[in-house]
Protein backbone atom coordinates (compact mmCIF):
# COMPACT_ATOMS: atom_id res chain seq x y z
CA MET A 1 -11.60 -39.81 -134.87
CA PRO A 2 -10.47 -37.16 -132.36
CA LEU A 3 -7.01 -35.69 -132.43
CA PRO A 4 -4.75 -37.65 -130.08
CA ALA A 5 -4.29 -35.69 -126.86
CA PRO A 6 -3.55 -36.76 -123.27
CA THR A 7 -6.22 -36.15 -120.67
CA ALA A 8 -4.65 -37.71 -117.58
CA SER A 9 -3.27 -35.69 -114.71
CA PRO A 10 0.23 -34.36 -115.47
CA THR A 11 1.60 -36.12 -112.42
CA ALA A 12 0.17 -39.52 -113.37
CA PRO A 13 2.58 -41.58 -115.50
CA SER A 14 1.15 -43.07 -118.68
CA ALA A 15 3.04 -44.84 -121.43
CA ALA A 16 0.31 -43.88 -123.93
CA ARG A 17 0.35 -40.15 -123.19
CA ARG A 18 1.86 -38.07 -125.98
CA ILE A 19 4.59 -35.62 -124.98
CA PRO A 20 3.48 -31.98 -125.48
CA PRO A 21 5.32 -29.85 -128.07
CA ILE A 22 8.69 -28.67 -126.74
CA GLN A 23 7.83 -25.06 -127.59
CA CYS A 24 4.80 -25.24 -125.30
CA LEU A 25 7.00 -26.54 -122.48
CA LEU A 26 9.59 -23.79 -123.03
CA THR A 27 6.85 -21.16 -122.99
CA PHE A 28 5.27 -22.56 -119.83
CA GLU A 29 8.61 -22.61 -118.01
CA ALA A 30 9.46 -19.06 -119.06
CA LEU A 31 6.05 -17.66 -118.10
CA ALA A 32 6.14 -19.42 -114.74
CA ARG A 33 9.58 -17.89 -114.11
CA LEU A 34 8.99 -14.37 -115.46
CA ARG A 35 5.24 -14.07 -114.66
CA SER A 36 4.83 -11.68 -117.59
CA VAL A 37 3.51 -12.44 -121.05
CA THR A 38 5.45 -9.51 -122.50
CA GLN A 39 8.78 -10.55 -120.99
CA THR A 40 8.19 -14.19 -121.96
CA ALA A 41 7.48 -13.16 -125.55
CA GLU A 42 10.67 -11.07 -125.64
CA GLU A 43 12.79 -13.90 -124.23
CA LEU A 44 11.45 -16.44 -126.73
CA CYS A 45 11.34 -13.99 -129.65
CA VAL A 46 7.65 -14.59 -130.32
CA THR A 47 4.50 -12.47 -130.04
CA PRO A 48 2.46 -12.19 -126.83
CA SER A 49 -0.41 -13.94 -128.61
CA ALA A 50 1.93 -16.87 -129.31
CA VAL A 51 2.66 -17.15 -125.58
CA SER A 52 -1.04 -17.23 -124.74
CA HIS A 53 -1.81 -19.73 -127.50
CA ARG A 54 0.93 -22.14 -126.42
CA VAL A 55 -0.13 -22.06 -122.78
CA ARG A 56 -3.76 -22.73 -123.76
CA GLN A 57 -2.66 -25.61 -125.97
CA LEU A 58 -0.61 -27.12 -123.15
CA GLU A 59 -3.50 -26.80 -120.70
CA GLN A 60 -5.87 -28.45 -123.18
CA MET A 61 -3.46 -31.33 -123.71
CA LEU A 62 -2.96 -31.86 -119.98
CA GLY A 63 -6.59 -31.38 -119.05
CA CYS A 64 -5.91 -28.93 -116.24
CA ARG A 65 -5.21 -25.26 -115.52
CA LEU A 66 -1.56 -24.35 -114.95
CA PHE A 67 -2.00 -20.71 -113.96
CA GLY A 68 -4.60 -19.61 -111.46
CA ARG A 69 -4.77 -15.81 -111.48
CA ALA A 70 -3.94 -12.77 -113.58
CA ASP A 71 -0.55 -12.48 -111.84
CA PHE A 72 0.37 -15.88 -113.36
CA SER A 73 0.72 -17.64 -110.04
CA LEU A 74 0.74 -21.39 -110.53
CA THR A 75 -2.04 -23.76 -109.57
CA SER A 76 -1.09 -26.84 -107.55
CA GLU A 77 -1.11 -28.86 -110.78
CA GLY A 78 0.98 -26.19 -112.49
CA SER A 79 3.55 -26.16 -109.71
CA ALA A 80 3.87 -29.95 -109.78
CA TYR A 81 4.15 -29.99 -113.56
CA LEU A 82 6.73 -27.20 -113.61
CA SER A 83 9.19 -29.28 -111.60
CA HIS A 84 8.92 -32.11 -114.13
CA VAL A 85 9.26 -29.70 -117.07
CA ARG A 86 12.39 -28.09 -115.63
CA GLU A 87 13.89 -31.46 -114.89
CA GLY A 88 13.25 -32.62 -118.46
CA LEU A 89 14.53 -29.42 -120.08
CA GLY A 90 17.60 -29.50 -117.89
CA ALA A 91 18.34 -33.07 -118.94
CA LEU A 92 18.09 -32.09 -122.60
CA GLN A 93 20.43 -29.14 -122.15
CA ARG A 94 23.00 -31.23 -120.25
CA PHE A 95 23.12 -34.02 -122.82
CA PRO A 96 26.31 -33.67 -124.96
CA GLY A 97 25.58 -32.30 -128.41
CA SER A 98 21.89 -31.83 -127.74
CA ALA A 99 19.96 -28.72 -128.67
CA LEU A 100 16.39 -27.63 -128.36
CA PRO A 101 14.67 -27.70 -131.76
CA GLY A 102 15.00 -24.73 -134.06
CA ARG A 103 13.05 -24.16 -137.24
CA ARG A 104 10.77 -26.90 -138.49
CA ARG A 105 9.14 -27.43 -141.89
CA LEU A 106 5.59 -28.69 -142.26
CA LYS A 107 4.25 -29.68 -145.67
CA LEU A 108 0.48 -29.32 -146.01
CA ALA A 109 -1.63 -30.51 -148.96
CA VAL A 110 -4.95 -28.67 -149.13
CA THR A 111 -7.86 -28.32 -151.53
CA PRO A 112 -7.88 -25.00 -153.43
CA THR A 113 -11.09 -23.30 -152.23
CA PHE A 114 -10.61 -24.45 -148.63
CA ALA A 115 -7.13 -22.93 -148.76
CA ARG A 116 -8.29 -19.60 -150.21
CA CYS A 117 -11.49 -19.16 -148.23
CA MET A 118 -10.92 -20.84 -144.87
CA LEU A 119 -7.19 -21.42 -144.28
CA ILE A 120 -5.31 -18.42 -145.69
CA PRO A 121 -7.49 -15.76 -143.98
CA ARG A 122 -6.69 -17.38 -140.60
CA LEU A 123 -3.15 -18.57 -141.23
CA SER A 124 -1.39 -15.55 -139.68
CA GLN A 125 -2.82 -16.66 -136.33
CA PHE A 126 -0.79 -19.86 -136.59
CA THR A 127 2.39 -18.26 -137.92
CA ASP A 128 2.25 -15.65 -135.14
CA ALA A 129 1.90 -18.40 -132.56
CA TYR A 130 4.57 -20.64 -134.12
CA PRO A 131 7.07 -18.46 -136.02
CA GLU A 132 9.63 -21.26 -135.96
CA ILE A 133 7.45 -23.47 -138.19
CA ASP A 134 7.83 -22.93 -141.93
CA LEU A 135 4.67 -23.98 -143.76
CA GLU A 136 4.80 -25.34 -147.29
CA LEU A 137 1.36 -25.42 -148.94
CA HIS A 138 0.55 -27.63 -151.92
CA VAL A 139 -2.69 -27.97 -153.87
CA SER A 140 -4.44 -31.32 -153.55
CA ILE A 141 -7.44 -32.38 -155.65
CA PRO A 142 -7.98 -36.10 -154.94
CA LEU A 143 -11.01 -36.15 -157.26
CA LEU A 144 -8.64 -35.46 -160.17
CA ASP A 145 -5.71 -37.47 -158.72
CA VAL A 146 -3.76 -34.28 -157.97
CA VAL A 147 -2.02 -35.16 -154.71
CA ALA A 148 1.15 -34.30 -152.81
CA GLU A 149 2.54 -37.73 -152.02
CA ASP A 150 5.05 -36.62 -149.39
CA ALA A 151 2.81 -34.16 -147.50
CA ASP A 152 2.88 -34.34 -143.71
CA LEU A 153 -0.80 -33.39 -143.37
CA ILE A 154 -3.56 -33.51 -145.98
CA VAL A 155 -6.94 -31.75 -146.03
CA ARG A 156 -9.52 -33.88 -147.83
CA PHE A 157 -13.17 -33.27 -148.62
CA GLY A 158 -15.44 -36.28 -148.72
CA PRO A 159 -17.35 -38.88 -146.68
CA GLY A 160 -14.53 -39.46 -144.22
CA HIS A 161 -13.92 -43.16 -144.88
CA TYR A 162 -10.16 -43.12 -145.41
CA ALA A 163 -8.75 -46.54 -144.62
CA ASP A 164 -5.27 -45.57 -145.79
CA MET A 165 -4.76 -42.74 -143.28
CA GLU A 166 -5.73 -41.59 -139.82
CA HIS A 167 -8.12 -38.64 -139.95
CA VAL A 168 -10.31 -36.25 -138.01
CA GLU A 169 -13.24 -34.11 -139.13
CA ILE A 170 -12.36 -30.40 -138.99
CA ALA A 171 -15.24 -28.61 -140.75
CA ARG A 172 -18.81 -29.52 -141.63
CA ASP A 173 -21.08 -27.20 -143.58
CA VAL A 174 -24.55 -26.59 -145.01
CA MET A 175 -25.39 -25.83 -148.64
CA THR A 176 -28.00 -23.71 -150.39
CA PRO A 177 -28.57 -22.35 -153.93
CA LEU A 178 -26.72 -19.13 -154.76
CA ALA A 179 -26.78 -16.94 -157.85
CA SER A 180 -25.60 -13.51 -158.95
CA PRO A 181 -27.80 -10.44 -158.31
CA ALA A 182 -28.02 -9.90 -162.08
CA PHE A 183 -29.22 -13.48 -162.58
CA VAL A 184 -31.87 -13.00 -159.88
CA ARG A 185 -33.10 -9.79 -161.51
CA ALA A 186 -33.26 -11.44 -164.91
CA HIS A 187 -34.95 -14.69 -163.85
CA GLY A 188 -36.67 -13.90 -160.55
CA PRO A 189 -38.47 -13.39 -158.38
CA PHE A 190 -37.63 -16.61 -156.52
CA GLU A 191 -40.50 -17.09 -154.12
CA GLN A 192 -40.47 -20.89 -153.90
CA PRO A 193 -37.98 -23.62 -154.90
CA ALA A 194 -40.05 -24.64 -157.92
CA ASP A 195 -39.25 -21.24 -159.45
CA MET A 196 -35.86 -22.70 -160.43
CA GLU A 197 -37.48 -25.05 -162.94
CA GLY A 198 -36.06 -24.69 -166.42
CA LEU A 199 -33.16 -22.49 -165.31
CA PRO A 200 -29.47 -23.49 -165.67
CA LEU A 201 -28.34 -25.41 -162.59
CA LEU A 202 -24.56 -25.51 -162.27
CA ARG A 203 -23.11 -28.84 -161.17
CA SER A 204 -20.18 -30.17 -159.17
CA PRO A 205 -19.34 -33.76 -158.19
CA LEU A 206 -18.28 -32.26 -154.86
CA GLU A 207 -21.77 -30.96 -154.04
CA PRO A 208 -24.84 -32.85 -155.33
CA TRP A 209 -28.20 -31.12 -155.67
CA ARG A 210 -30.39 -34.08 -154.65
CA GLY A 211 -30.31 -33.49 -150.88
CA TRP A 212 -31.50 -29.91 -151.27
CA PHE A 213 -34.18 -30.94 -153.77
CA ASP A 214 -35.55 -33.48 -151.26
CA ALA A 215 -35.56 -30.94 -148.40
CA ALA A 216 -37.36 -28.43 -150.63
CA GLY A 217 -40.04 -30.94 -151.59
CA LEU A 218 -38.89 -31.18 -155.20
CA ALA A 219 -39.12 -34.62 -156.82
CA TRP A 220 -36.32 -33.69 -159.22
CA PRO A 221 -33.48 -36.04 -160.19
CA GLU A 222 -29.85 -35.04 -159.92
CA PRO A 223 -29.04 -32.82 -162.95
CA VAL A 224 -27.01 -34.60 -165.62
CA GLU A 225 -26.72 -31.73 -168.10
CA GLY A 226 -25.19 -28.28 -167.87
CA SER A 227 -21.81 -26.85 -166.90
CA GLN A 228 -19.85 -28.83 -164.32
CA PHE A 229 -16.97 -27.67 -162.10
CA HIS A 230 -14.48 -29.74 -160.12
CA ASP A 231 -13.56 -26.88 -157.79
CA ILE A 232 -16.01 -25.02 -155.55
CA GLY A 233 -14.20 -21.71 -156.10
CA LEU A 234 -14.66 -22.05 -159.87
CA LEU A 235 -18.30 -23.01 -159.27
CA CYS A 236 -18.83 -19.81 -157.27
CA ASP A 237 -17.02 -17.71 -159.87
CA ALA A 238 -19.23 -19.17 -162.61
CA ALA A 239 -22.39 -18.39 -160.65
CA ALA A 240 -21.11 -14.87 -159.92
CA ALA A 241 -20.59 -14.41 -163.67
CA GLY A 242 -24.27 -15.15 -164.25
CA MET A 243 -23.95 -18.66 -165.71
CA GLY A 244 -26.64 -20.14 -163.47
CA ILE A 245 -27.59 -21.27 -159.98
CA ALA A 246 -24.94 -23.06 -157.92
CA PRO A 247 -25.22 -25.42 -154.92
CA VAL A 248 -22.73 -23.83 -152.53
CA ARG A 249 -21.61 -24.53 -148.99
CA LEU A 250 -21.97 -21.36 -146.93
CA LYS A 251 -18.55 -21.44 -145.26
CA LEU A 252 -16.77 -21.81 -148.58
CA GLY A 253 -19.09 -19.32 -150.29
CA ALA A 254 -18.77 -16.68 -147.55
CA ALA A 255 -16.37 -14.48 -149.56
CA TRP A 256 -18.77 -14.23 -152.51
CA LEU A 257 -21.74 -13.60 -150.21
CA ASP A 258 -19.85 -10.96 -148.24
CA ASN A 259 -18.83 -8.98 -151.34
CA GLY A 260 -22.30 -9.28 -152.86
CA THR A 261 -21.35 -11.16 -156.03
CA LEU A 262 -23.59 -14.05 -154.94
CA VAL A 263 -26.90 -13.96 -153.07
CA ARG A 264 -29.11 -16.58 -151.49
CA LEU A 265 -32.30 -17.55 -153.31
CA PHE A 266 -34.12 -19.19 -150.39
CA PRO A 267 -33.73 -19.45 -146.60
CA LEU A 268 -33.51 -23.26 -146.81
CA ASP A 269 -30.14 -24.84 -145.93
CA VAL A 270 -29.35 -28.57 -145.89
CA ALA A 271 -26.40 -30.37 -144.39
CA SER A 272 -23.73 -31.29 -146.90
CA PRO A 273 -23.22 -35.07 -147.07
CA HIS A 274 -19.47 -34.47 -147.01
CA ALA A 275 -17.06 -32.64 -144.72
CA HIS A 276 -13.43 -31.53 -144.60
CA TYR A 277 -11.03 -33.91 -142.87
CA LEU A 278 -7.41 -33.57 -141.80
CA CYS A 279 -5.52 -36.76 -142.67
CA TRP A 280 -2.09 -38.10 -141.77
CA HIS A 281 -0.03 -41.27 -141.81
CA THR A 282 0.53 -43.19 -138.60
CA GLY A 283 3.36 -41.66 -136.56
CA THR A 284 3.04 -38.14 -138.02
CA MET A 285 1.56 -36.71 -134.82
CA ASP A 286 4.71 -37.69 -132.93
CA ARG A 287 6.27 -34.59 -134.51
CA TRP A 288 5.37 -31.59 -132.39
CA GLU A 289 4.96 -29.23 -135.34
CA CYS A 290 2.35 -31.52 -136.92
CA SER A 291 0.51 -31.90 -133.64
CA ALA A 292 0.53 -28.15 -133.04
CA PHE A 293 -0.89 -27.39 -136.50
CA ALA A 294 -3.57 -30.08 -136.24
CA GLN A 295 -4.76 -28.78 -132.88
CA TRP A 296 -4.82 -25.20 -134.17
CA LEU A 297 -6.60 -26.02 -137.44
CA SER A 298 -9.36 -28.06 -135.80
CA GLN A 299 -10.20 -25.07 -133.59
CA ALA A 300 -9.73 -22.36 -136.23
CA VAL A 301 -12.12 -23.69 -138.90
CA SER A 302 -14.67 -25.71 -136.91
């Protein structure tokens, strides 16, 4: 399912439209007033990239452009929306005892290899854009019943049929056999898929071999013997150590491929039957920090 986001015109009332994050509205108002990314960033105590990111997020949510030219002059839609934003912010500031939100905490449960290989390398982009959000990361391995029960958002890997939570697909991948250069030298050359016959094939319940076998024209059953790993990072480490050939998704295996500890055996890739999904309980996306992270993550790792 897609992430919930309004697409109607900002001037058209809709009871179903979700209110944009308050930080996006504050950034839009400041940029419209100051007409300078640098000055807006200084006023809000954020980076210039955070200003740009928040404005883009707001425009995507509203389905229209708010600024027309490089001098940050407003479009007609932007001008109309600005009056509503200022009216709403003014009402919040006038209300006795009210205050615009300060720091927020977001608890994320994420699978280990996805966290190390796909999330952490990109995470500074989010923290730069939203310095007022404190992230708390927890390891989640549903296959082994290791879960963070009170997490706000959960990254799962699987078929995507999660009746207990709302969810959206954030990353799909392809898989191919990988092995260490030393293993290839010792057991190669690998000129055709059948050259793997009799060699140790590493296993993981997260990534079956059968789909690749079928695409390669091999009438081989799913291996039932040999070393098995319940984490893709450990699977890659084992293959890099020369233990055998591993079925690895290329996005998750990119770090090992980039540093040369794993190499491809064949140019054949097949779509993984599973994907990564972001999951949440009903009502979670009403919190602006959860909505902001979900929107960012779906774009950062897709």
